[in-house]
PDB file of N, CA and C in Angstrom:
ATOM      1  N   ILE A   1     148.605  26.592 -38.344  1.00  0.00           N
ATOM      2  CA  ILE A   1     148.453  26.050 -36.996  1.00  0.00           C
ATOM      3  C   ILE A   1     148.638  27.119 -35.920  1.00  0.00           C
ATOM      4  N   ASN A   2     149.056  28.287 -36.339  1.00  0.00           N
ATOM      5  CA  ASN A   2     149.272  29.360 -35.373  1.00  0.00           C
ATOM      6  C   ASN A   2     148.064  30.259 -35.208  1.00  0.00           C
ATOM      7  N   SER A   3     146.997  29.961 -35.936  1.00  0.00           N
ATOM      8  CA  SER A   3     145.787  30.768 -35.812  1.00  0.00           C
ATOM      9  C   SER A   3     144.812  30.091 -34.841  1.00  0.00           C
ATOM     10  N   GLU A   4     143.817  30.855 -34.420  1.00  0.00           N
ATOM     11  CA  GLU A   4     142.804  30.284 -33.524  1.00  0.00           C
ATOM     12  C   GLU A   4     142.047  29.141 -34.209  1.00  0.00           C
ATOM     13  N   LYS A   5     141.703  29.346 -35.488  1.00  0.00           N
ATOM     14  CA  LYS A   5     141.014  28.287 -36.239  1.00  0.00           C
ATOM     15  C   LYS A   5     141.896  27.046 -36.355  1.00  0.00           C
ATOM     16  N   GLY A   6     143.171  27.263 -36.620  1.00  0.00           N
ATOM     17  CA  GLY A   6     144.108  26.150 -36.741  1.00  0.00           C
ATOM     18  C   GLY A   6     144.222  25.367 -35.445  1.00  0.00           C
ATOM     19  N   GLN A   7     144.256  26.084 -34.335  1.00  0.00           N
ATOM     20  CA  GLN A   7     144.328  25.430 -33.032  1.00  0.00           C
ATOM     21  C   GLN A   7     143.075  24.600 -32.753  1.00  0.00           C
ATOM     22  N   VAL A   8     141.922  25.117 -33.168  1.00  0.00           N
ATOM     23  CA  VAL A   8     140.667  24.383 -32.990  1.00  0.00           C
ATOM     24  C   VAL A   8     140.719  23.072 -33.769  1.00  0.00           C
ATOM     25  N   VAL A   9     141.229  23.135 -34.997  1.00  0.00           N
ATOM     26  CA  VAL A   9     141.328  21.925 -35.825  1.00  0.00           C
ATOM     27  C   VAL A   9     142.289  20.918 -35.192  1.00  0.00           C
ATOM     28  N   LEU A  10     143.440  21.381 -34.740  1.00  0.00           N
ATOM     29  CA  LEU A  10     144.420  20.488 -34.104  1.00  0.00           C
ATOM     30  C   LEU A  10     143.837  19.831 -32.859  1.00  0.00           C
ATOM     31  N   LYS A  11     143.154  20.604 -32.049  1.00  0.00           N
ATOM     32  CA  LYS A  11     142.532  20.054 -30.838  1.00  0.00           C
ATOM     33  C   LYS A  11     141.436  19.054 -31.192  1.00  0.00           C
ATOM     34  N   ASP A  12     140.684  19.356 -32.248  1.00  0.00           N
ATOM     35  CA  ASP A  12     139.621  18.459 -32.678  1.00  0.00           C
ATOM     36  C   ASP A  12     140.202  17.112 -33.128  1.00  0.00           C
ATOM     37  N   PHE A  13     141.229  17.150 -33.965  1.00  0.00           N
ATOM     38  CA  PHE A  13     141.832  15.904 -34.423  1.00  0.00           C
ATOM     39  C   PHE A  13     142.508  15.156 -33.276  1.00  0.00           C
ATOM     40  N   SER A  14     143.128  15.893 -32.366  1.00  0.00           N
ATOM     41  CA  SER A  14     143.752  15.243 -31.198  1.00  0.00           C
ATOM     42  C   SER A  14     142.705  14.523 -30.363  1.00  0.00           C
ATOM     43  N   SER A  15     141.566  15.179 -30.149  1.00  0.00           N
ATOM     44  CA  SER A  15     140.520  14.533 -29.353  1.00  0.00           C
ATOM     45  C   SER A  15     139.931  13.332 -30.084  1.00  0.00           C
ATOM     46  N   ARG A  16     139.870  13.390 -31.409  1.00  0.00           N
ATOM     47  CA  ARG A  16     139.385  12.238 -32.176  1.00  0.00           C
ATOM     48  C   ARG A  16     140.335  11.046 -32.052  1.00  0.00           C
ATOM     49  N   VAL A  17     141.634  11.325 -32.100  1.00  0.00           N
ATOM     50  CA  VAL A  17     142.620  10.244 -31.927  1.00  0.00           C
ATOM     51  C   VAL A  17     142.439   9.591 -30.564  1.00  0.00           C
ATOM     52  N   ILE A  18     142.308  10.407 -29.537  1.00  0.00           N
ATOM     53  CA  ILE A  18     142.146   9.890 -28.174  1.00  0.00           C
ATOM     54  C   ILE A  18     140.857   9.094 -28.044  1.00  0.00           C
ATOM     55  N   GLU A  19     139.763   9.634 -28.572  1.00  0.00           N
ATOM     56  CA  GLU A  19     138.467   8.957 -28.466  1.00  0.00           C
ATOM     57  C   GLU A  19     138.488   7.601 -29.167  1.00  0.00           C
ATOM     58  N   GLU A  20     139.005   7.558 -30.381  1.00  0.00           N
ATOM     59  CA  GLU A  20     139.020   6.303 -31.137  1.00  0.00           C
ATOM     60  C   GLU A  20     139.964   5.284 -30.492  1.00  0.00           C
ATOM     61  N   THR A  21     141.080   5.753 -29.965  1.00  0.00           N
ATOM     62  CA  THR A  21     142.005   4.856 -29.270  1.00  0.00           C
ATOM     63  C   THR A  21     141.342   4.264 -28.035  1.00  0.00           C
ATOM     64  N   ALA A  22     140.621   5.101 -27.287  1.00  0.00           N
ATOM     65  CA  ALA A  22     139.926   4.616 -26.088  1.00  0.00           C
ATOM     66  C   ALA A  22     138.842   3.613 -26.447  1.00  0.00           C
ATOM     67  N   GLU A  23     138.116   3.868 -27.516  1.00  0.00           N
ATOM     68  CA  GLU A  23     137.072   2.931 -27.940  1.00  0.00           C
ATOM     69  C   GLU A  23     137.688   1.598 -28.380  1.00  0.00           C
ATOM     70  N   GLY A  24     138.823   1.668 -29.071  1.00  0.00           N
ATOM     71  CA  GLY A  24     139.517   0.438 -29.460  1.00  0.00           C
ATOM     72  C   GLY A  24     140.005  -0.335 -28.255  1.00  0.00           C
ATOM     73  N   TYR A  25     140.521   0.389 -27.265  1.00  0.00           N
ATOM     74  CA  TYR A  25     140.979  -0.249 -26.029  1.00  0.00           C
ATOM     75  C   TYR A  25     139.814  -0.920 -25.309  1.00  0.00           C
ATOM     76  N   GLU A  26     138.679  -0.248 -25.284  1.00  0.00           N
ATOM     77  CA  GLU A  26     137.493  -0.798 -24.625  1.00  0.00           C
ATOM     78  C   GLU A  26     137.083  -2.124 -25.275  1.00  0.00           C
ATOM     79  N   SER A  27     137.078  -2.166 -26.600  1.00  0.00           N
ATOM     80  CA  SER A  27     136.710  -3.403 -27.301  1.00  0.00           C
ATOM     81  C   SER A  27     137.747  -4.491 -27.094  1.00  0.00           C
ATOM     82  N   THR A  28     139.019  -4.119 -27.097  1.00  0.00           N
ATOM     83  CA  THR A  28     140.078  -5.097 -26.856  1.00  0.00           C
ATOM     84  C   THR A  28     139.959  -5.668 -25.447  1.00  0.00           C
ATOM     85  N   SER A  29     139.677  -4.802 -24.480  1.00  0.00           N
ATOM     86  CA  SER A  29     139.508  -5.259 -23.098  1.00  0.00           C
ATOM     87  C   SER A  29     138.332  -6.222 -22.972  1.00  0.00           C
ATOM     88  N   ALA A  30     137.235  -5.913 -23.667  1.00  0.00           N
ATOM     89  CA  ALA A  30     136.071  -6.802 -23.633  1.00  0.00           C
ATOM     90  C   ALA A  30     136.413  -8.159 -24.238  1.00  0.00           C
ATOM     91  N   ALA A  31     137.183  -8.153 -25.322  1.00  0.00           N
ATOM     92  CA  ALA A  31     137.594  -9.422 -25.945  1.00  0.00           C
ATOM     93  C   ALA A  31     138.492 -10.216 -25.007  1.00  0.00           C
ATOM     94  N   LEU A  32     139.428  -9.549 -24.362  1.00  0.00           N
ATOM     95  CA  LEU A  32     140.333 -10.239 -23.429  1.00  0.00           C
ATOM     96  C   LEU A  32     139.580 -10.783 -22.223  1.00  0.00           C
ATOM     97  N   GLU A  33     138.629 -10.017 -21.728  1.00  0.00           N
ATOM     98  CA  GLU A  33     137.824 -10.475 -20.594  1.00  0.00           C
ATOM     99  C   GLU A  33     137.027 -11.725 -20.973  1.00  0.00           C
ATOM    100  N   LEU A  34     136.449 -11.712 -22.152  1.00  0.00           N
ATOM    101  CA  LEU A  34     135.690 -12.864 -22.632  1.00  0.00           C
ATOM    102  C   LEU A  34     136.602 -14.081 -22.817  1.00  0.00           C
ATOM    103  N   LEU A  35     137.759 -13.856 -23.397  1.00  0.00           N
ATOM    104  CA  LEU A  35     138.711 -14.952 -23.589  1.00  0.00           C
ATOM    105  C   LEU A  35     139.188 -15.528 -22.261  1.00  0.00           C
ATOM    106  N   SER A  36     139.392 -14.663 -21.282  1.00  0.00           N
ATOM    107  CA  SER A  36     139.893 -15.134 -19.983  1.00  0.00           C
ATOM    108  C   SER A  36     138.906 -16.082 -19.305  1.00  0.00           C
ATOM    109  N   GLN A  37     137.619 -15.921 -19.600  1.00  0.00           N
ATOM    110  CA  GLN A  37     136.607 -16.814 -19.035  1.00  0.00           C
ATOM    111  C   GLN A  37     136.757 -18.243 -19.554  1.00  0.00           C
ATOM    112  N   TYR A  38     137.435 -18.375 -20.687  1.00  0.00           N
ATOM    113  CA  TYR A  38     137.609 -19.694 -21.311  1.00  0.00           C
ATOM    114  C   TYR A  38     139.080 -20.103 -21.358  1.00  0.00           C
ATOM    115  N   GLY A  39     139.874 -19.561 -20.453  1.00  0.00           N
ATOM    116  CA  GLY A  39     141.286 -19.921 -20.395  1.00  0.00           C
ATOM    117  C   GLY A  39     142.050 -19.538 -21.653  1.00  0.00           C
ATOM    118  N   PHE A  40     141.612 -18.497 -22.316  1.00  0.00           N
ATOM    119  CA  PHE A  40     142.228 -17.996 -23.555  1.00  0.00           C
ATOM    120  C   PHE A  40     142.261 -19.061 -24.651  1.00  0.00           C
ATOM    121  N   ASN A  41     141.277 -19.933 -24.640  1.00  0.00           N
ATOM    122  CA  ASN A  41     141.154 -20.978 -25.654  1.00  0.00           C
ATOM    123  C   ASN A  41     139.791 -20.843 -26.313  1.00  0.00           C
ATOM    124  N   GLU A  42     139.771 -20.268 -27.510  1.00  0.00           N
ATOM    125  CA  GLU A  42     138.482 -20.038 -28.170  1.00  0.00           C
ATOM    126  C   GLU A  42     137.779 -21.331 -28.570  1.00  0.00           C
ATOM    127  N   ASP A  43     138.522 -22.436 -28.621  1.00  0.00           N
ATOM    128  CA  ASP A  43     137.886 -23.724 -28.940  1.00  0.00           C
ATOM    129  C   ASP A  43     136.884 -24.140 -27.865  1.00  0.00           C
ATOM    130  N   ASN A  44     137.059 -23.639 -26.650  1.00  0.00           N
ATOM    131  CA  ASN A  44     136.157 -23.974 -25.544  1.00  0.00           C
ATOM    132  C   ASN A  44     134.933 -23.051 -25.463  1.00  0.00           C
ATOM    133  N   MET A  45     134.893 -22.034 -26.285  1.00  0.00           N
ATOM    134  CA  MET A  45     133.829 -21.034 -26.192  1.00  0.00           C
ATOM    135  C   MET A  45     132.526 -21.552 -26.796  1.00  0.00           C
ATOM    136  N   THR A  46     131.431 -21.045 -26.259  1.00  0.00           N
ATOM    137  CA  THR A  46     130.127 -21.323 -26.874  1.00  0.00           C
ATOM    138  C   THR A  46     130.069 -20.544 -28.195  1.00  0.00           C
ATOM    139  N   PRO A  47     129.258 -20.990 -29.130  1.00  0.00           N
ATOM    140  CA  PRO A  47     129.143 -20.249 -30.396  1.00  0.00           C
ATOM    141  C   PRO A  47     128.728 -18.789 -30.195  1.00  0.00           C
ATOM    142  N   GLU A  48     127.856 -18.540 -29.230  1.00  0.00           N
ATOM    143  CA  GLU A  48     127.413 -17.170 -28.971  1.00  0.00           C
ATOM    144  C   GLU A  48     128.567 -16.301 -28.475  1.00  0.00           C
ATOM    145  N   HIS A  49     129.365 -16.860 -27.552  1.00  0.00           N
ATOM    146  CA  HIS A  49     130.499 -16.100 -27.033  1.00  0.00           C
ATOM    147  C   HIS A  49     131.580 -15.927 -28.094  1.00  0.00           C
ATOM    148  N   PHE A  50     131.752 -16.917 -28.949  1.00  0.00           N
ATOM    149  CA  PHE A  50     132.729 -16.789 -30.029  1.00  0.00           C
ATOM    150  C   PHE A  50     132.313 -15.653 -30.973  1.00  0.00           C
ATOM    151  N   ASP A  51     131.018 -15.586 -31.284  1.00  0.00           N
ATOM    152  CA  ASP A  51     130.524 -14.487 -32.124  1.00  0.00           C
ATOM    153  C   ASP A  51     130.749 -13.137 -31.444  1.00  0.00           C
ATOM    154  N   MET A  52     130.538 -13.078 -30.128  1.00  0.00           N
ATOM    155  CA  MET A  52     130.794 -11.839 -29.389  1.00  0.00           C
ATOM    156  C   MET A  52     132.272 -11.462 -29.472  1.00  0.00           C
ATOM    157  N   LEU A  53     133.136 -12.478 -29.329  1.00  0.00           N
ATOM    158  CA  LEU A  53     134.583 -12.239 -29.412  1.00  0.00           C
ATOM    159  C   LEU A  53     134.952 -11.643 -30.766  1.00  0.00           C
ATOM    160  N   ILE A  54     134.447 -12.243 -31.832  1.00  0.00           N
ATOM    161  CA  ILE A  54     134.735 -11.751 -33.182  1.00  0.00           C
ATOM    162  C   ILE A  54     134.240 -10.311 -33.345  1.00  0.00           C
ATOM    163  N   ASN A  55     133.048 -10.027 -32.829  1.00  0.00           N
ATOM    164  CA  ASN A  55     132.518  -8.664 -32.921  1.00  0.00           C
ATOM    165  C   ASN A  55     133.376  -7.663 -32.164  1.00  0.00           C
ATOM    166  N   HIS A  56     133.834  -8.040 -30.955  1.00  0.00           N
ATOM    167  CA  HIS A  56     134.716  -7.148 -30.174  1.00  0.00           C
ATOM    168  C   HIS A  56     136.021  -6.893 -30.924  1.00  0.00           C
ATOM    169  N   LEU A  57     136.601  -7.949 -31.482  1.00  0.00           N
ATOM    170  CA  LEU A  57     137.874  -7.793 -32.193  1.00  0.00           C
ATOM    171  C   LEU A  57     137.712  -6.986 -33.477  1.00  0.00           C
ATOM    172  N   GLN A  58     136.620  -7.215 -34.179  1.00  0.00           N
ATOM    173  CA  GLN A  58     136.354  -6.443 -35.385  1.00  0.00           C
ATOM    174  C   GLN A  58     136.189  -4.965 -35.038  1.00  0.00           C
ATOM    175  N   ASN A  59     135.446  -4.673 -33.988  1.00  0.00           N
ATOM    176  CA  ASN A  59     135.259  -3.292 -33.569  1.00  0.00           C
ATOM    177  C   ASN A  59     136.580  -2.671 -33.118  1.00  0.00           C
ATOM    178  N   SER A  60     137.378  -3.439 -32.401  1.00  0.00           N
ATOM    179  CA  SER A  60     138.676  -2.952 -31.955  1.00  0.00           C
ATOM    180  C   SER A  60     139.547  -2.550 -33.141  1.00  0.00           C
ATOM    181  N   ASN A  61     139.595  -3.414 -34.154  1.00  0.00           N
ATOM    182  CA  ASN A  61     140.386  -3.105 -35.344  1.00  0.00           C
ATOM    183  C   ASN A  61     139.873  -1.856 -36.051  1.00  0.00           C
ATOM    184  N   GLU A  62     138.569  -1.732 -36.148  1.00  0.00           N
ATOM    185  CA  GLU A  62     137.981  -0.568 -36.805  1.00  0.00           C
ATOM    186  C   GLU A  62     138.320   0.719 -36.054  1.00  0.00           C
ATOM    187  N   GLU A  63     138.196   0.687 -34.742  1.00  0.00           N
ATOM    188  CA  GLU A  63     138.480   1.878 -33.939  1.00  0.00           C
ATOM    189  C   GLU A  63     139.961   2.256 -34.023  1.00  0.00           C
ATOM    190  N   GLN A  64     140.836   1.268 -33.991  1.00  0.00           N
ATOM    191  CA  GLN A  64     142.271   1.558 -34.085  1.00  0.00           C
ATOM    192  C   GLN A  64     142.634   2.099 -35.462  1.00  0.00           C
ATOM    193  N   ALA A  65     141.987   1.579 -36.504  1.00  0.00           N
ATOM    194  CA  ALA A  65     142.215   2.111 -37.853  1.00  0.00           C
ATOM    195  C   ALA A  65     141.739   3.556 -37.933  1.00  0.00           C
ATOM    196  N   ASP A  66     140.601   3.848 -37.335  1.00  0.00           N
ATOM    197  CA  ASP A  66     140.100   5.227 -37.312  1.00  0.00           C
ATOM    198  C   ASP A  66     141.069   6.139 -36.569  1.00  0.00           C
ATOM    199  N   ALA A  67     141.576   5.673 -35.429  1.00  0.00           N
ATOM    200  CA  ALA A  67     142.526   6.479 -34.647  1.00  0.00           C
ATOM    201  C   ALA A  67     143.773   6.777 -35.470  1.00  0.00           C
ATOM    202  N   PHE A  68     144.269   5.768 -36.172  1.00  0.00           N
ATOM    203  CA  PHE A  68     145.462   5.966 -36.989  1.00  0.00           C
ATOM    204  C   PHE A  68     145.187   6.960 -38.119  1.00  0.00           C
ATOM    205  N   ALA A  69     144.026   6.842 -38.754  1.00  0.00           N
ATOM    206  CA  ALA A  69     143.682   7.762 -39.839  1.00  0.00           C
ATOM    207  C   ALA A  69     143.599   9.200 -39.327  1.00  0.00           C
ATOM    208  N   PHE A  70     142.973   9.396 -38.167  1.00  0.00           N
ATOM    209  CA  PHE A  70     142.904  10.742 -37.597  1.00  0.00           C
ATOM    210  C   PHE A  70     144.295  11.250 -37.212  1.00  0.00           C
ATOM    211  N   PHE A  71     145.153  10.344 -36.735  1.00  0.00           N
ATOM    212  CA  PHE A  71     146.521  10.736 -36.373  1.00  0.00           C
ATOM    213  C   PHE A  71     147.288  11.195 -37.617  1.00  0.00           C
ATOM    214  N   VAL A  72     147.159  10.450 -38.708  1.00  0.00           N
ATOM    215  CA  VAL A  72     147.834  10.839 -39.950  1.00  0.00           C
ATOM    216  C   VAL A  72     147.319  12.194 -40.427  1.00  0.00           C
ATOM    217  N   GLU A  73     146.005  12.387 -40.365  1.00  0.00           N
ATOM    218  CA  GLU A  73     145.434  13.681 -40.754  1.00  0.00           C
ATOM    219  C   GLU A  73     145.951  14.803 -39.860  1.00  0.00           C
ATOM    220  N   LEU A  74     146.091  14.530 -38.573  1.00  0.00           N
ATOM    221  CA  LEU A  74     146.628  15.514 -37.644  1.00  0.00           C
ATOM    222  C   LEU A  74     148.059  15.888 -38.029  1.00  0.00           C
ATOM    223  N   MET A  75     148.867  14.885 -38.343  1.00  0.00           N
ATOM    224  CA  MET A  75     150.254  15.152 -38.739  1.00  0.00           C
ATOM    225  C   MET A  75     150.311  15.949 -40.039  1.00  0.00           C
ATOM    226  N   LEU A  76     149.439  15.612 -40.989  1.00  0.00           N
ATOM    227  CA  LEU A  76     149.402  16.354 -42.250  1.00  0.00           C
ATOM    228  C   LEU A  76     149.002  17.809 -42.016  1.00  0.00           C
ATOM    229  N   TYR A  77     147.973  18.015 -41.219  1.00  0.00           N
ATOM    230  CA  TYR A  77     147.511  19.372 -40.958  1.00  0.00           C
ATOM    231  C   TYR A  77     148.574  20.184 -40.214  1.00  0.00           C
ATOM    232  N   ALA A  78     149.287  19.524 -39.315  1.00  0.00           N
ATOM    233  CA  ALA A  78     150.334  20.204 -38.547  1.00  0.00           C
ATOM    234  C   ALA A  78     151.630  20.346 -39.344  1.00  0.00           C
ATOM    235  N   ASN A  79     151.620  19.821 -40.576  1.00  0.00           N
ATOM    236  CA  ASN A  79     152.784  19.881 -41.458  1.00  0.00           C
ATOM    237  C   ASN A  79     153.989  19.146 -40.865  1.00  0.00           C
ATOM    238  N   ILE A  80     153.717  18.017 -40.233  1.00  0.00           N
ATOM    239  CA  ILE A  80     154.781  17.164 -39.697  1.00  0.00           C
ATOM    240  C   ILE A  80     154.928  15.979 -40.637  1.00  0.00           C
ATOM    241  N   SER A  81     156.087  15.883 -41.262  1.00  0.00           N
ATOM    242  CA  SER A  81     156.328  14.829 -42.251  1.00  0.00           C
ATOM    243  C   SER A  81     157.088  13.664 -41.609  1.00  0.00           C
ATOM    244  N   PRO A  82     157.109  12.524 -42.287  1.00  0.00           N
ATOM    245  CA  PRO A  82     157.925  11.407 -41.770  1.00  0.00           C
ATOM    246  C   PRO A  82     159.387  11.813 -41.576  1.00  0.00           C
ATOM    247  N   GLU A  83     159.901  12.644 -42.473  1.00  0.00           N
ATOM    248  CA  GLU A  83     161.292  13.080 -42.338  1.00  0.00           C
ATOM    249  C   GLU A  83     161.486  13.904 -41.060  1.00  0.00           C
ATOM    250  N   ASP A  84     160.502  14.692 -40.683  1.00  0.00           N
ATOM    251  CA  ASP A  84     160.582  15.439 -39.420  1.00  0.00           C
ATOM    252  C   ASP A  84     160.686  14.476 -38.239  1.00  0.00           C
ATOM    253  N   ILE A  85     159.925  13.400 -38.303  1.00  0.00           N
ATOM    254  CA  ILE A  85     159.951  12.407 -37.227  1.00  0.00           C
ATOM    255  C   ILE A  85     161.307  11.704 -37.196  1.00  0.00           C
ATOM    256  N   TYR A  86     161.836  11.347 -38.376  1.00  0.00           N
ATOM    257  CA  TYR A  86     163.161  10.721 -38.431  1.00  0.00           C
ATOM    258  C   TYR A  86     164.229  11.673 -37.898  1.00  0.00           C
ATOM    259  N   ASP A  87     164.152  12.943 -38.275  1.00  0.00           N
ATOM    260  CA  ASP A  87     165.127  13.919 -37.785  1.00  0.00           C
ATOM    261  C   ASP A  87     165.075  14.022 -36.261  1.00  0.00           C
ATOM    262  N   TYR A  88     163.867  14.058 -35.727  1.00  0.00           N
ATOM    263  CA  TYR A  88     163.697  14.105 -34.275  1.00  0.00           C
ATOM    264  C   TYR A  88     164.294  12.852 -33.631  1.00  0.00           C
ATOM    265  N   ALA A  89     164.031  11.694 -34.227  1.00  0.00           N
ATOM    266  CA  ALA A  89     164.550  10.441 -33.676  1.00  0.00           C
ATOM    267  C   ALA A  89     166.073  10.416 -33.725  1.00  0.00           C
ATOM    268  N   ARG A  90     166.636  10.906 -34.799  1.00  0.00           N
ATOM    269  CA  ARG A  90     168.104  10.938 -34.893  1.00  0.00           C
ATOM    270  C   ARG A  90     168.693  11.848 -33.814  1.00  0.00           C
ATOM    271  N   LYS A  91     168.022  12.968 -33.583  1.00  0.00           N
ATOM    272  CA  LYS A  91     168.503  13.910 -32.564  1.00  0.00           C
ATOM    273  C   LYS A  91     168.385  13.292 -31.168  1.00  0.00           C
ATOM    274  N   VAL A  92     167.218  12.737 -30.858  1.00  0.00           N
ATOM    275  CA  VAL A  92     166.969  12.206 -29.521  1.00  0.00           C
ATOM    276  C   VAL A  92     167.743  10.915 -29.283  1.00  0.00           C
ATOM    277  N   LEU A  93     167.761  10.032 -30.282  1.00  0.00           N
ATOM    278  CA  LEU A  93     168.406   8.724 -30.121  1.00  0.00           C
ATOM    279  C   LEU A  93     169.880   8.722 -30.495  1.00  0.00           C
ATOM    280  N   GLY A  94     170.337   9.815 -31.078  1.00  0.00           N
ATOM    281  CA  GLY A  94     171.744   9.929 -31.400  1.00  0.00           C
ATOM    282  C   GLY A  94     172.179   9.160 -32.640  1.00  0.00           C
ATOM    283  N   TYR A  95     171.249   8.856 -33.535  1.00  0.00           N
ATOM    284  CA  TYR A  95     171.633   8.183 -34.773  1.00  0.00           C
ATOM    285  C   TYR A  95     172.345   9.157 -35.696  1.00  0.00           C
ATOM    286  N   PRO A  96     173.378   8.686 -36.415  1.00  0.00           N
ATOM    287  CA  PRO A  96     173.996   9.547 -37.426  1.00  0.00           C
ATOM    288  C   PRO A  96     172.983   9.882 -38.521  1.00  0.00           C
ATOM    289  N   ALA A  97     173.187  10.977 -39.213  1.00  0.00           N
ATOM    290  CA  ALA A  97     172.224  11.446 -40.213  1.00  0.00           C
ATOM    291  C   ALA A  97     171.974  10.422 -41.314  1.00  0.00           C
ATOM    292  N   ASP A  98     172.955   9.602 -41.643  1.00  0.00           N
ATOM    293  CA  ASP A  98     172.771   8.656 -42.749  1.00  0.00           C
ATOM    294  C   ASP A  98     172.329   7.267 -42.283  1.00  0.00           C
ATOM    295  N   SER A  99     172.076   7.105 -40.989  1.00  0.00           N
ATOM    296  CA  SER A  99     171.689   5.780 -40.488  1.00  0.00           C
ATOM    297  C   SER A  99     170.197   5.553 -40.627  1.00  0.00           C
ATOM    298  N   GLU A 100     169.831   4.290 -40.643  1.00  0.00           N
ATOM    299  CA  GLU A 100     168.427   3.904 -40.729  1.00  0.00           C
ATOM    300  C   GLU A 100     167.862   3.818 -39.315  1.00  0.00           C
ATOM    301  N   ILE A 101     166.668   4.341 -39.136  1.00  0.00           N
ATOM    302  CA  ILE A 101     166.014   4.279 -37.828  1.00  0.00           C
ATOM    303  C   ILE A 101     165.407   2.887 -37.660  1.00  0.00           C
ATOM    304  N   ILE A 102     165.887   2.169 -36.674  1.00  0.00           N
ATOM    305  CA  ILE A 102     165.347   0.848 -36.371  1.00  0.00           C
ATOM    306  C   ILE A 102     165.031   0.827 -34.878  1.00  0.00           C
ATOM    307  N   LEU A 103     163.768   0.665 -34.567  1.00  0.00           N
ATOM    308  CA  LEU A 103     163.340   0.606 -33.171  1.00  0.00           C
ATOM    309  C   LEU A 103     163.134  -0.858 -32.813  1.00  0.00           C
ATOM    310  N   ASN A 104     164.205  -1.502 -32.385  1.00  0.00           N
ATOM    311  CA  ASN A 104     164.130  -2.930 -32.100  1.00  0.00           C
ATOM    312  C   ASN A 104     164.076  -3.248 -30.616  1.00  0.00           C
ATOM    313  N   ASP A 105     163.929  -2.231 -29.807  1.00  0.00           N
ATOM    314  CA  ASP A 105     163.699  -2.513 -28.393  1.00  0.00           C
ATOM    315  C   ASP A 105     162.827  -1.417 -27.790  1.00  0.00           C
ATOM    316  N   LEU A 106     162.186  -1.755 -26.697  1.00  0.00           N
ATOM    317  CA  LEU A 106     161.205  -0.862 -26.086  1.00  0.00           C
ATOM    318  C   LEU A 106     161.837   0.423 -25.567  1.00  0.00           C
ATOM    319  N   THR A 107     163.067   0.345 -25.089  1.00  0.00           N
ATOM    320  CA  THR A 107     163.730   1.540 -24.560  1.00  0.00           C
ATOM    321  C   THR A 107     163.871   2.600 -25.640  1.00  0.00           C
ATOM    322  N   LYS A 108     164.269   2.186 -26.844  1.00  0.00           N
ATOM    323  CA  LYS A 108     164.414   3.150 -27.930  1.00  0.00           C
ATOM    324  C   LYS A 108     163.067   3.726 -28.328  1.00  0.00           C
ATOM    325  N   LEU A 109     162.037   2.911 -28.312  1.00  0.00           N
ATOM    326  CA  LEU A 109     160.707   3.393 -28.667  1.00  0.00           C
ATOM    327  C   LEU A 109     160.221   4.417 -27.637  1.00  0.00           C
ATOM    328  N   ILE A 110     160.420   4.131 -26.364  1.00  0.00           N
ATOM    329  CA  ILE A 110     160.008   5.061 -25.313  1.00  0.00           C
ATOM    330  C   ILE A 110     160.816   6.347 -25.422  1.00  0.00           C
ATOM    331  N   THR A 111     162.101   6.242 -25.693  1.00  0.00           N
ATOM    332  CA  THR A 111     162.942   7.414 -25.846  1.00  0.00           C
ATOM    333  C   THR A 111     162.481   8.263 -27.021  1.00  0.00           C
ATOM    334  N   LEU A 112     162.068   7.597 -28.107  1.00  0.00           N
ATOM    335  CA  LEU A 112     161.581   8.310 -29.281  1.00  0.00           C
ATOM    336  C   LEU A 112     160.336   9.117 -28.939  1.00  0.00           C
ATOM    337  N   ALA A 113     159.471   8.567 -28.100  1.00  0.00           N
ATOM    338  CA  ALA A 113     158.209   9.213 -27.770  1.00  0.00           C
ATOM    339  C   ALA A 113     158.363  10.312 -26.721  1.00  0.00           C
ATOM    340  N   ARG A 114     159.474  10.325 -26.009  1.00  0.00           N
ATOM    341  CA  ARG A 114     159.674  11.324 -24.957  1.00  0.00           C
ATOM    342  C   ARG A 114     160.058  12.675 -25.575  1.00  0.00           C
ATOM    343  N   PRO A 115     159.471  13.768 -25.136  1.00  0.00           N
ATOM    344  CA  PRO A 115     159.799  15.064 -25.714  1.00  0.00           C
ATOM    345  C   PRO A 115     161.228  15.488 -25.387  1.00  0.00           C
ATOM    346  N   ALA A 116     161.863  16.152 -26.319  1.00  0.00           N
ATOM    347  CA  ALA A 116     163.223  16.656 -26.109  1.00  0.00           C
ATOM    348  C   ALA A 116     163.128  17.986 -25.364  1.00  0.00           C
ATOM    349  N   PHE A 117     164.011  18.194 -24.423  1.00  0.00           N
ATOM    350  CA  PHE A 117     164.031  19.448 -23.667  1.00  0.00           C
ATOM    351  C   PHE A 117     165.292  20.215 -23.954  1.00  0.00           C
TER     352      PHE A 117
END
């Protein structure tokens, strides 16, 4: 990852994660917009709109799965293991080394995602 080629690969995978996440968000937004027209009750939808809803949701799931796959590949290429993430979380969140990481509230999740300085 310290070479020019390595940096190109990392940037490529990072941009793929961003692109797929944005595409998933776009499909999710389209599904929510369609649902809002019917008071978020799909029973009131026309068959055509229901089919559109299913297509948007299916596409959203596919794009999010792609984003996750690219993210995992990025972590593998960068040699970042789950244990590295747990170690970082223990350091940032102050968990003892033998404790289990449980993110049961949004504050802890946001803290986990914030870079350590």
